[in-house]
Amino acid sequence: MVSEIDIYRSANAVIRKCGRRHNPKYYAQSKMSQLYDKGDTEGATIWARITNAIDELTIDKSESAIH
């Protein structure tokens, strides 16, 4: 089992690797799809978690409601 901190570290690494010009979420989804197609469901699940973490880390905070 991969810990949440490792998932978020990986998500940050993908974001840094892709930068602003490329879509880090697309990159993660592509990895997930490749692994799933090869039958590696555990690896695909990890990349799905990384994709979700990328979503959370790249949310535009200025658009969220302030309470």
C-alpha atoms as a PDB file:
ATOM      1  CA  MET A   1       0.000   0.000   0.000  1.00  0.00           C
ATOM      2  CA  VAL A   2       1.323   3.384  -1.008  1.00  0.00           C
ATOM      3  CA  SER A   3       0.912   6.092   1.639  1.00  0.00           C
ATOM      4  CA  GLU A   4      -0.956   9.326   0.993  1.00  0.00           C
ATOM      5  CA  ILE A   5       2.222  11.366   1.488  1.00  0.00           C
ATOM      6  CA  ASP A   6       3.927   9.346  -1.257  1.00  0.00           C
ATOM      7  CA  ILE A   7       0.949   9.910  -3.567  1.00  0.00           C
ATOM      8  CA  TYR A   8       1.141  13.678  -3.009  1.00  0.00           C
ATOM      9  CA  ARG A   9       4.927  13.662  -3.450  1.00  0.00           C
ATOM     10  CA  SER A  10       4.474  11.866  -6.737  1.00  0.00           C
ATOM     11  CA  ALA A  11       1.737  14.284  -7.791  1.00  0.00           C
ATOM     12  CA  ASN A  12       4.028  17.223  -7.037  1.00  0.00           C
ATOM     13  CA  ALA A  13       6.820  15.600  -9.045  1.00  0.00           C
ATOM     14  CA  VAL A  14       4.488  15.153 -12.030  1.00  0.00           C
ATOM     15  CA  ILE A  15       3.330  18.778 -11.758  1.00  0.00           C
ATOM     16  CA  ARG A  16       6.953  19.969 -11.677  1.00  0.00           C
ATOM     17  CA  LYS A  17       7.911  17.696 -14.582  1.00  0.00           C
ATOM     18  CA  CYS A  18       5.034  18.834 -16.781  1.00  0.00           C
ATOM     19  CA  GLY A  19       5.199  22.485 -15.826  1.00  0.00           C
ATOM     20  CA  ARG A  20       2.554  24.958 -16.910  1.00  0.00           C
ATOM     21  CA  ARG A  21       2.842  24.179 -20.631  1.00  0.00           C
ATOM     22  CA  HIS A  22       1.781  20.542 -20.390  1.00  0.00           C
ATOM     23  CA  ASN A  23      -1.184  19.079 -18.567  1.00  0.00           C
ATOM     24  CA  PRO A  24      -0.005  17.015 -15.557  1.00  0.00           C
ATOM     25  CA  LYS A  25      -3.446  15.441 -15.164  1.00  0.00           C
ATOM     26  CA  TYR A  26      -3.346  14.189 -18.771  1.00  0.00           C
ATOM     27  CA  TYR A  27       0.134  12.737 -18.171  1.00  0.00           C
ATOM     28  CA  ALA A  28      -1.047  10.860 -15.060  1.00  0.00           C
ATOM     29  CA  GLN A  29      -4.179   9.598 -16.816  1.00  0.00           C
ATOM     30  CA  SER A  30      -2.044   8.372 -19.700  1.00  0.00           C
ATOM     31  CA  LYS A  31       0.200   6.414 -17.311  1.00  0.00           C
ATOM     32  CA  MET A  32      -2.859   4.973 -15.596  1.00  0.00           C
ATOM     33  CA  SER A  33      -4.336   3.877 -18.929  1.00  0.00           C
ATOM     34  CA  GLN A  34      -1.077   2.282 -20.095  1.00  0.00           C
ATOM     35  CA  LEU A  35      -0.782   0.227 -16.922  1.00  0.00           C
ATOM     36  CA  TYR A  36      -4.428  -0.798 -17.016  1.00  0.00           C
ATOM     37  CA  ASP A  37      -4.074  -1.930 -20.642  1.00  0.00           C
ATOM     38  CA  LYS A  38      -1.096  -4.085 -19.614  1.00  0.00           C
ATOM     39  CA  GLY A  39      -3.155  -5.697 -16.838  1.00  0.00           C
ATOM     40  CA  ASP A  40      -1.393  -3.916 -13.974  1.00  0.00           C
ATOM     41  CA  THR A  41      -4.478  -2.880 -12.027  1.00  0.00           C
ATOM     42  CA  GLU A  42      -2.492  -2.102  -8.870  1.00  0.00           C
ATOM     43  CA  GLY A  43      -0.239   0.316 -10.759  1.00  0.00           C
ATOM     44  CA  ALA A  44      -3.250   1.832 -12.511  1.00  0.00           C
ATOM     45  CA  THR A  45      -4.941   2.375  -9.143  1.00  0.00           C
ATOM     46  CA  ILE A  46      -1.878   4.190  -7.832  1.00  0.00           C
ATOM     47  CA  TRP A  47      -1.859   6.471 -10.896  1.00  0.00           C
ATOM     48  CA  ALA A  48      -5.589   7.104 -10.382  1.00  0.00           C
ATOM     49  CA  ARG A  49      -4.784   8.283  -6.847  1.00  0.00           C
ATOM     50  CA  ILE A  50      -1.985  10.486  -8.214  1.00  0.00           C
ATOM     51  CA  THR A  51      -4.440  11.950 -10.746  1.00  0.00           C
ATOM     52  CA  ASN A  52      -6.855  12.821  -7.919  1.00  0.00           C
ATOM     53  CA  ALA A  53      -4.033  14.420  -5.931  1.00  0.00           C
ATOM     54  CA  ILE A  54      -3.043  16.492  -8.978  1.00  0.00           C
ATOM     55  CA  ASP A  55      -6.648  17.718  -9.157  1.00  0.00           C
ATOM     56  CA  GLU A  56      -6.514  18.799  -5.540  1.00  0.00           C
ATOM     57  CA  LEU A  57      -3.112  20.446  -5.837  1.00  0.00           C
ATOM     58  CA  THR A  58      -3.939  22.379  -8.996  1.00  0.00           C
ATOM     59  CA  ILE A  59      -7.336  23.728  -7.945  1.00  0.00           C
ATOM     60  CA  ASP A  60      -7.540  27.464  -8.481  1.00  0.00           C
ATOM     61  CA  LYS A  61      -7.865  28.673  -4.900  1.00  0.00           C
ATOM     62  CA  SER A  62      -9.077  32.116  -6.036  1.00  0.00           C
ATOM     63  CA  GLU A  63     -12.285  30.549  -7.384  1.00  0.00           C
ATOM     64  CA  SER A  64     -13.152  28.674  -4.199  1.00  0.00           C
ATOM     65  CA  ALA A  65     -15.643  30.121  -1.755  1.00  0.00           C
ATOM     66  CA  ILE A  66     -14.361  31.898   1.318  1.00  0.00           C
ATOM     67  CA  HIS A  67     -16.242  31.230   4.532  1.00  0.00           C
END
